[in-house]
């Protein structure tokens, strides 16, 4: 998955997609252990995609938290 596609997703979409990809990674690992996985590079790609998504999710959550804090401070002033 491309970085710009991940950045365009909403927070809840991103959380659901991470869960799906983690389930997919478990399936890939299981297939690999059973010697049924022909292309083992899929494991690395899946892990990297999950890491990208988690990074973008953390950035989005951090931005939302900062925005909420600024709104509270603006309301007090």
PDB file of N, CA and C in Angstrom:
ATOM      1  N   UNK A   1       0.843  -1.174   0.000  1.00  0.00           N
ATOM      2  CA  UNK A   1       0.000   0.000   0.000  1.00  0.00           C
ATOM      3  C   UNK A   1       0.890   1.238   0.000  1.00  0.00           C
ATOM      4  N   UNK A   2       0.505   2.197  -0.783  1.00  0.00           N
ATOM      5  CA  UNK A   2       1.292   3.422  -0.911  1.00  0.00           C
ATOM      6  C   UNK A   2       1.021   4.363   0.260  1.00  0.00           C
ATOM      7  N   UNK A   3       2.018   5.179   0.560  1.00  0.00           N
ATOM      8  CA  UNK A   3       1.937   6.089   1.692  1.00  0.00           C
ATOM      9  C   UNK A   3       0.804   7.102   1.523  1.00  0.00           C
ATOM     10  N   UNK A   4       0.630   7.620   0.308  1.00  0.00           N
ATOM     11  CA  UNK A   4      -0.427   8.611   0.100  1.00  0.00           C
ATOM     12  C   UNK A   4      -1.812   7.986   0.292  1.00  0.00           C
ATOM     13  N   UNK A   5      -1.953   6.690  -0.016  1.00  0.00           N
ATOM     14  CA  UNK A   5      -3.234   6.014   0.199  1.00  0.00           C
ATOM     15  C   UNK A   5      -3.533   5.897   1.691  1.00  0.00           C
ATOM     16  N   UNK A   6      -2.490   5.618   2.462  1.00  0.00           N
ATOM     17  CA  UNK A   6      -2.657   5.483   3.911  1.00  0.00           C
ATOM     18  C   UNK A   6      -3.019   6.828   4.522  1.00  0.00           C
ATOM     19  N   UNK A   7      -2.355   7.891   4.078  1.00  0.00           N
ATOM     20  CA  UNK A   7      -2.604   9.222   4.634  1.00  0.00           C
ATOM     21  C   UNK A   7      -4.011   9.720   4.331  1.00  0.00           C
ATOM     22  N   UNK A   8      -4.604   9.265   3.228  1.00  0.00           N
ATOM     23  CA  UNK A   8      -5.946   9.697   2.854  1.00  0.00           C
ATOM     24  C   UNK A   8      -7.031   9.029   3.696  1.00  0.00           C
ATOM     25  N   UNK A   9      -6.702   7.924   4.352  1.00  0.00           N
ATOM     26  CA  UNK A   9      -7.690   7.185   5.145  1.00  0.00           C
ATOM     27  C   UNK A   9      -8.058   7.935   6.419  1.00  0.00           C
ATOM     28  N   UNK A  10      -9.297   7.729   6.859  1.00  0.00           N
ATOM     29  CA  UNK A  10      -9.743   8.259   8.141  1.00  0.00           C
ATOM     30  C   UNK A  10      -9.193   7.372   9.253  1.00  0.00           C
ATOM     31  N   UNK A  11      -9.222   7.868  10.475  1.00  0.00           N
ATOM     32  CA  UNK A  11      -8.653   7.149  11.615  1.00  0.00           C
ATOM     33  C   UNK A  11      -9.325   5.796  11.826  1.00  0.00           C
ATOM     34  N   UNK A  12     -10.661   5.764  11.809  1.00  0.00           N
ATOM     35  CA  UNK A  12     -11.354   4.495  12.034  1.00  0.00           C
ATOM     36  C   UNK A  12     -11.112   3.502  10.905  1.00  0.00           C
ATOM     37  N   UNK A  13     -11.026   4.005   9.667  1.00  0.00           N
ATOM     38  CA  UNK A  13     -10.689   3.158   8.523  1.00  0.00           C
ATOM     39  C   UNK A  13      -9.314   2.531   8.710  1.00  0.00           C
ATOM     40  N   UNK A  14      -8.402   3.350   9.163  1.00  0.00           N
ATOM     41  CA  UNK A  14      -7.020   2.924   9.351  1.00  0.00           C
ATOM     42  C   UNK A  14      -6.926   1.838  10.419  1.00  0.00           C
ATOM     43  N   UNK A  15      -7.666   1.994  11.492  1.00  0.00           N
ATOM     44  CA  UNK A  15      -7.663   0.993  12.562  1.00  0.00           C
ATOM     45  C   UNK A  15      -8.191  -0.342  12.038  1.00  0.00           C
ATOM     46  N   UNK A  16      -9.288  -0.299  11.278  1.00  0.00           N
ATOM     47  CA  UNK A  16      -9.850  -1.526  10.712  1.00  0.00           C
ATOM     48  C   UNK A  16      -8.870  -2.182   9.747  1.00  0.00           C
ATOM     49  N   UNK A  17      -8.221  -1.368   8.934  1.00  0.00           N
ATOM     50  CA  UNK A  17      -7.267  -1.903   7.955  1.00  0.00           C
ATOM     51  C   UNK A  17      -6.065  -2.542   8.643  1.00  0.00           C
ATOM     52  N   UNK A  18      -5.599  -1.943   9.736  1.00  0.00           N
ATOM     53  CA  UNK A  18      -4.480  -2.514  10.491  1.00  0.00           C
ATOM     54  C   UNK A  18      -4.874  -3.883  11.034  1.00  0.00           C
ATOM     55  N   UNK A  19      -6.079  -3.985  11.580  1.00  0.00           N
ATOM     56  CA  UNK A  19      -6.553  -5.269  12.103  1.00  0.00           C
ATOM     57  C   UNK A  19      -6.603  -6.323  11.000  1.00  0.00           C
ATOM     58  N   UNK A  20      -7.098  -5.932   9.819  1.00  0.00           N
ATOM     59  CA  UNK A  20      -7.166  -6.860   8.693  1.00  0.00           C
ATOM     60  C   UNK A  20      -5.772  -7.316   8.269  1.00  0.00           C
ATOM     61  N   UNK A  21      -4.855  -6.374   8.184  1.00  0.00           N
ATOM     62  CA  UNK A  21      -3.500  -6.706   7.757  1.00  0.00           C
ATOM     63  C   UNK A  21      -2.781  -7.581   8.782  1.00  0.00           C
ATOM     64  N   UNK A  22      -3.057  -7.372  10.065  1.00  0.00           N
ATOM     65  CA  UNK A  22      -2.447  -8.217  11.092  1.00  0.00           C
ATOM     66  C   UNK A  22      -2.979  -9.646  10.994  1.00  0.00           C
ATOM     67  N   UNK A  23      -4.269  -9.799  10.698  1.00  0.00           N
ATOM     68  CA  UNK A  23      -4.829 -11.138  10.488  1.00  0.00           C
ATOM     69  C   UNK A  23      -4.199 -11.785   9.257  1.00  0.00           C
ATOM     70  N   UNK A  24      -4.017 -10.987   8.213  1.00  0.00           N
ATOM     71  CA  UNK A  24      -3.383 -11.479   6.995  1.00  0.00           C
ATOM     72  C   UNK A  24      -1.951 -11.932   7.283  1.00  0.00           C
ATOM     73  N   UNK A  25      -1.238 -11.183   8.108  1.00  0.00           N
ATOM     74  CA  UNK A  25       0.135 -11.534   8.462  1.00  0.00           C
ATOM     75  C   UNK A  25       0.179 -12.864   9.217  1.00  0.00           C
ATOM     76  N   UNK A  26      -0.773 -13.078  10.105  1.00  0.00           N
ATOM     77  CA  UNK A  26      -0.841 -14.350  10.833  1.00  0.00           C
ATOM     78  C   UNK A  26      -1.050 -15.500   9.846  1.00  0.00           C
ATOM     79  N   UNK A  27      -1.945 -15.294   8.879  1.00  0.00           N
ATOM     80  CA  UNK A  27      -2.187 -16.324   7.865  1.00  0.00           C
ATOM     81  C   UNK A  27      -0.933 -16.594   7.036  1.00  0.00           C
ATOM     82  N   UNK A  28      -0.220 -15.533   6.685  1.00  0.00           N
ATOM     83  CA  UNK A  28       1.014 -15.702   5.919  1.00  0.00           C
ATOM     84  C   UNK A  28       2.059 -16.474   6.716  1.00  0.00           C
ATOM     85  N   UNK A  29       2.180 -16.153   7.986  1.00  0.00           N
ATOM     86  CA  UNK A  29       3.140 -16.873   8.834  1.00  0.00           C
ATOM     87  C   UNK A  29       2.769 -18.346   8.949  1.00  0.00           C
ATOM     88  N   UNK A  30       1.482 -18.605   9.077  1.00  0.00           N
ATOM     89  CA  UNK A  30       1.018 -19.986   9.172  1.00  0.00           C
ATOM     90  C   UNK A  30       1.333 -20.739   7.879  1.00  0.00           C
ATOM     91  N   UNK A  31       1.052 -20.119   6.744  1.00  0.00           N
ATOM     92  CA  UNK A  31       1.353 -20.731   5.449  1.00  0.00           C
ATOM     93  C   UNK A  31       2.844 -20.976   5.288  1.00  0.00           C
ATOM     94  N   UNK A  32       3.637 -20.053   5.763  1.00  0.00           N
ATOM     95  CA  UNK A  32       5.094 -20.189   5.672  1.00  0.00           C
ATOM     96  C   UNK A  32       5.576 -21.383   6.500  1.00  0.00           C
ATOM     97  N   UNK A  33       5.013 -21.549   7.682  1.00  0.00           N
ATOM     98  CA  UNK A  33       5.402 -22.673   8.536  1.00  0.00           C
ATOM     99  C   UNK A  33       5.012 -24.017   7.921  1.00  0.00           C
ATOM    100  N   UNK A  34       3.929 -24.022   7.176  1.00  0.00           N
ATOM    101  CA  UNK A  34       3.475 -25.251   6.526  1.00  0.00           C
ATOM    102  C   UNK A  34       4.123 -25.456   5.161  1.00  0.00           C
ATOM    103  N   UNK A  35       5.061 -24.591   4.814  1.00  0.00           N
ATOM    104  CA  UNK A  35       5.781 -24.665   3.535  1.00  0.00           C
ATOM    105  C   UNK A  35       4.850 -24.496   2.338  1.00  0.00           C
ATOM    106  N   UNK A  36       3.768 -23.740   2.521  1.00  0.00           N
ATOM    107  CA  UNK A  36       2.820 -23.499   1.444  1.00  0.00           C
ATOM    108  C   UNK A  36       2.992 -22.123   0.813  1.00  0.00           C
ATOM    109  N   UNK A  37       3.827 -21.298   1.415  1.00  0.00           N
ATOM    110  CA  UNK A  37       4.014 -19.940   0.922  1.00  0.00           C
ATOM    111  C   UNK A  37       5.167 -19.933  -0.072  1.00  0.00           C
ATOM    112  N   UNK A  38       4.851 -19.629  -1.331  1.00  0.00           N
ATOM    113  CA  UNK A  38       5.874 -19.617  -2.372  1.00  0.00           C
ATOM    114  C   UNK A  38       6.698 -18.342  -2.349  1.00  0.00           C
ATOM    115  N   UNK A  39       6.046 -17.221  -2.129  1.00  0.00           N
ATOM    116  CA  UNK A  39       6.718 -15.928  -2.157  1.00  0.00           C
ATOM    117  C   UNK A  39       6.868 -15.417  -0.721  1.00  0.00           C
ATOM    118  N   UNK A  40       8.006 -15.690  -0.117  1.00  0.00           N
ATOM    119  CA  UNK A  40       8.209 -15.321   1.286  1.00  0.00           C
ATOM    120  C   UNK A  40       8.406 -13.823   1.481  1.00  0.00           C
ATOM    121  N   UNK A  41       8.618 -13.091   0.413  1.00  0.00           N
ATOM    122  CA  UNK A  41       8.772 -11.640   0.553  1.00  0.00           C
ATOM    123  C   UNK A  41       7.463 -10.982   0.973  1.00  0.00           C
ATOM    124  N   UNK A  42       6.357 -11.686   0.808  1.00  0.00           N
ATOM    125  CA  UNK A  42       5.059 -11.153   1.239  1.00  0.00           C
ATOM    126  C   UNK A  42       5.039 -10.906   2.740  1.00  0.00           C
ATOM    127  N   UNK A  43       5.781 -11.728   3.496  1.00  0.00           N
ATOM    128  CA  UNK A  43       5.860 -11.536   4.948  1.00  0.00           C
ATOM    129  C   UNK A  43       6.457 -10.175   5.278  1.00  0.00           C
ATOM    130  N   UNK A  44       7.573  -9.864   4.673  1.00  0.00           N
ATOM    131  CA  UNK A  44       8.238  -8.585   4.923  1.00  0.00           C
ATOM    132  C   UNK A  44       7.403  -7.406   4.479  1.00  0.00           C
ATOM    133  N   UNK A  45       6.771  -7.548   3.317  1.00  0.00           N
ATOM    134  CA  UNK A  45       5.925  -6.466   2.810  1.00  0.00           C
ATOM    135  C   UNK A  45       4.732  -6.220   3.734  1.00  0.00           C
ATOM    136  N   UNK A  46       4.143  -7.291   4.238  1.00  0.00           N
ATOM    137  CA  UNK A  46       2.996  -7.147   5.139  1.00  0.00           C
ATOM    138  C   UNK A  46       3.416  -6.441   6.425  1.00  0.00           C
ATOM    139  N   UNK A  47       4.574  -6.828   6.965  1.00  0.00           N
ATOM    140  CA  UNK A  47       5.054  -6.189   8.196  1.00  0.00           C
ATOM    141  C   UNK A  47       5.343  -4.711   7.970  1.00  0.00           C
ATOM    142  N   UNK A  48       5.930  -4.384   6.833  1.00  0.00           N
ATOM    143  CA  UNK A  48       6.239  -2.982   6.535  1.00  0.00           C
ATOM    144  C   UNK A  48       4.967  -2.163   6.350  1.00  0.00           C
ATOM    145  N   UNK A  49       3.968  -2.742   5.690  1.00  0.00           N
ATOM    146  CA  UNK A  49       2.695  -2.035   5.516  1.00  0.00           C
ATOM    147  C   UNK A  49       2.037  -1.753   6.864  1.00  0.00           C
ATOM    148  N   UNK A  50       2.066  -2.741   7.753  1.00  0.00           N
ATOM    149  CA  UNK A  50       1.479  -2.560   9.081  1.00  0.00           C
ATOM    150  C   UNK A  50       2.222  -1.460   9.831  1.00  0.00           C
ATOM    151  N   UNK A  51       3.540  -1.469   9.738  1.00  0.00           N
ATOM    152  CA  UNK A  51       4.336  -0.446  10.422  1.00  0.00           C
ATOM    153  C   UNK A  51       4.020   0.943   9.871  1.00  0.00           C
ATOM    154  N   UNK A  52       3.882   1.058   8.552  1.00  0.00           N
ATOM    155  CA  UNK A  52       3.533   2.353   7.944  1.00  0.00           C
ATOM    156  C   UNK A  52       2.182   2.835   8.457  1.00  0.00           C
ATOM    157  N   UNK A  53       1.216   1.924   8.463  1.00  0.00           N
ATOM    158  CA  UNK A  53      -0.126   2.300   8.899  1.00  0.00           C
ATOM    159  C   UNK A  53      -0.139   2.713  10.365  1.00  0.00           C
ATOM    160  N   UNK A  54       0.587   1.996  11.205  1.00  0.00           N
ATOM    161  CA  UNK A  54       0.631   2.349  12.624  1.00  0.00           C
ATOM    162  C   UNK A  54       1.319   3.694  12.836  1.00  0.00           C
ATOM    163  N   UNK A  55       2.330   3.986  12.033  1.00  0.00           N
ATOM    164  CA  UNK A  55       3.020   5.270  12.142  1.00  0.00           C
ATOM    165  C   UNK A  55       2.089   6.416  11.769  1.00  0.00           C
ATOM    166  N   UNK A  56       1.387   6.281  10.659  1.00  0.00           N
ATOM    167  CA  UNK A  56       0.455   7.321  10.214  1.00  0.00           C
ATOM    168  C   UNK A  56      -0.678   7.475  11.221  1.00  0.00           C
ATOM    169  N   UNK A  57      -1.158   6.355  11.770  1.00  0.00           N
ATOM    170  CA  UNK A  57      -2.217   6.412  12.777  1.00  0.00           C
ATOM    171  C   UNK A  57      -1.753   7.190  14.003  1.00  0.00           C
ATOM    172  N   UNK A  58      -0.548   6.930  14.455  1.00  0.00           N
ATOM    173  CA  UNK A  58      -0.011   7.647  15.616  1.00  0.00           C
ATOM    174  C   UNK A  58       0.099   9.140  15.326  1.00  0.00           C
ATOM    175  N   UNK A  59       0.528   9.489  14.115  1.00  0.00           N
ATOM    176  CA  UNK A  59       0.620  10.904  13.735  1.00  0.00           C
ATOM    177  C   UNK A  59      -0.759  11.557  13.762  1.00  0.00           C
ATOM    178  N   UNK A  60      -1.749  10.868  13.198  1.00  0.00           N
ATOM    179  CA  UNK A  60      -3.104  11.428  13.161  1.00  0.00           C
ATOM    180  C   UNK A  60      -3.660  11.613  14.569  1.00  0.00           C
ATOM    181  N   UNK A  61      -3.458  10.622  15.426  1.00  0.00           N
ATOM    182  CA  UNK A  61      -3.955  10.724  16.799  1.00  0.00           C
ATOM    183  C   UNK A  61      -3.262  11.850  17.548  1.00  0.00           C
ATOM    184  N   UNK A  62      -1.973  12.017  17.306  1.00  0.00           N
ATOM    185  CA  UNK A  62      -1.221  13.093  17.952  1.00  0.00           C
ATOM    186  C   UNK A  62      -1.744  14.451  17.489  1.00  0.00           C
ATOM    187  N   UNK A  63      -2.012  14.590  16.189  1.00  0.00           N
ATOM    188  CA  UNK A  63      -2.544  15.852  15.662  1.00  0.00           C
ATOM    189  C   UNK A  63      -3.919  16.158  16.246  1.00  0.00           C
ATOM    190  N   UNK A  64      -4.759  15.130  16.358  1.00  0.00           N
ATOM    191  CA  UNK A  64      -6.090  15.328  16.933  1.00  0.00           C
ATOM    192  C   UNK A  64      -5.992  15.778  18.388  1.00  0.00           C
ATOM    193  N   UNK A  65      -5.075  15.181  19.122  1.00  0.00           N
ATOM    194  CA  UNK A  65      -4.901  15.537  20.528  1.00  0.00           C
ATOM    195  C   UNK A  65      -4.428  16.983  20.665  1.00  0.00           C
ATOM    196  N   UNK A  66      -3.497  17.395  19.814  1.00  0.00           N
ATOM    197  CA  UNK A  66      -2.999  18.772  19.838  1.00  0.00           C
ATOM    198  C   UNK A  66      -4.124  19.739  19.483  1.00  0.00           C
ATOM    199  N   UNK A  67      -4.930  19.386  18.488  1.00  0.00           N
ATOM    200  CA  UNK A  67      -6.040  20.249  18.087  1.00  0.00           C
ATOM    201  C   UNK A  67      -7.053  20.398  19.221  1.00  0.00           C
ATOM    202  N   UNK A  68      -7.336  19.324  19.926  1.00  0.00           N
ATOM    203  CA  UNK A  68      -8.268  19.391  21.053  1.00  0.00           C
ATOM    204  C   UNK A  68      -7.709  20.265  22.163  1.00  0.00           C
ATOM    205  N   UNK A  69      -6.420  20.137  22.432  1.00  0.00           N
ATOM    206  CA  UNK A  69      -5.780  20.937  23.474  1.00  0.00           C
ATOM    207  C   UNK A  69      -5.831  22.419  23.114  1.00  0.00           C
ATOM    208  N   UNK A  70      -5.570  22.730  21.850  1.00  0.00           N
ATOM    209  CA  UNK A  70      -5.613  24.126  21.404  1.00  0.00           C
ATOM    210  C   UNK A  70      -7.027  24.684  21.501  1.00  0.00           C
ATOM    211  N   UNK A  71      -8.021  23.873  21.186  1.00  0.00           N
ATOM    212  CA  UNK A  71      -9.412  24.321  21.282  1.00  0.00           C
ATOM    213  C   UNK A  71      -9.797  24.614  22.725  1.00  0.00           C
ATOM    214  N   UNK A  72      -9.347  23.785  23.643  1.00  0.00           N
ATOM    215  CA  UNK A  72      -9.641  24.005  25.059  1.00  0.00           C
ATOM    216  C   UNK A  72      -8.971  25.273  25.563  1.00  0.00           C
ATOM    217  N   UNK A  73      -7.728  25.491  25.155  1.00  0.00           N
ATOM    218  CA  UNK A  73      -7.004  26.689  25.582  1.00  0.00           C
ATOM    219  C   UNK A  73      -7.623  27.938  24.973  1.00  0.00           C
ATOM    220  N   UNK A  74      -8.088  27.844  23.742  1.00  0.00           N
ATOM    221  CA  UNK A  74      -8.732  28.974  23.091  1.00  0.00           C
ATOM    222  C   UNK A  74     -10.060  29.321  23.740  1.00  0.00           C
ATOM    223  N   UNK A  75     -10.766  28.328  24.220  1.00  0.00           N
ATOM    224  CA  UNK A  75     -12.055  28.556  24.871  1.00  0.00           C
ATOM    225  C   UNK A  75     -11.875  29.203  26.240  1.00  0.00           C
ATOM    226  N   UNK A  76     -10.773  28.907  26.912  1.00  0.00           N
ATOM    227  CA  UNK A  76     -10.507  29.480  28.230  1.00  0.00           C
ATOM    228  C   UNK A  76     -10.114  30.947  28.146  1.00  0.00           C
ATOM    229  N   UNK A  77      -9.481  31.335  27.060  1.00  0.00           N
ATOM    230  CA  UNK A  77      -8.980  32.710  26.946  1.00  0.00           C
ATOM    231  C   UNK A  77     -10.037  33.690  26.600  1.00  0.00           C
TER     232      UNK A  77
END
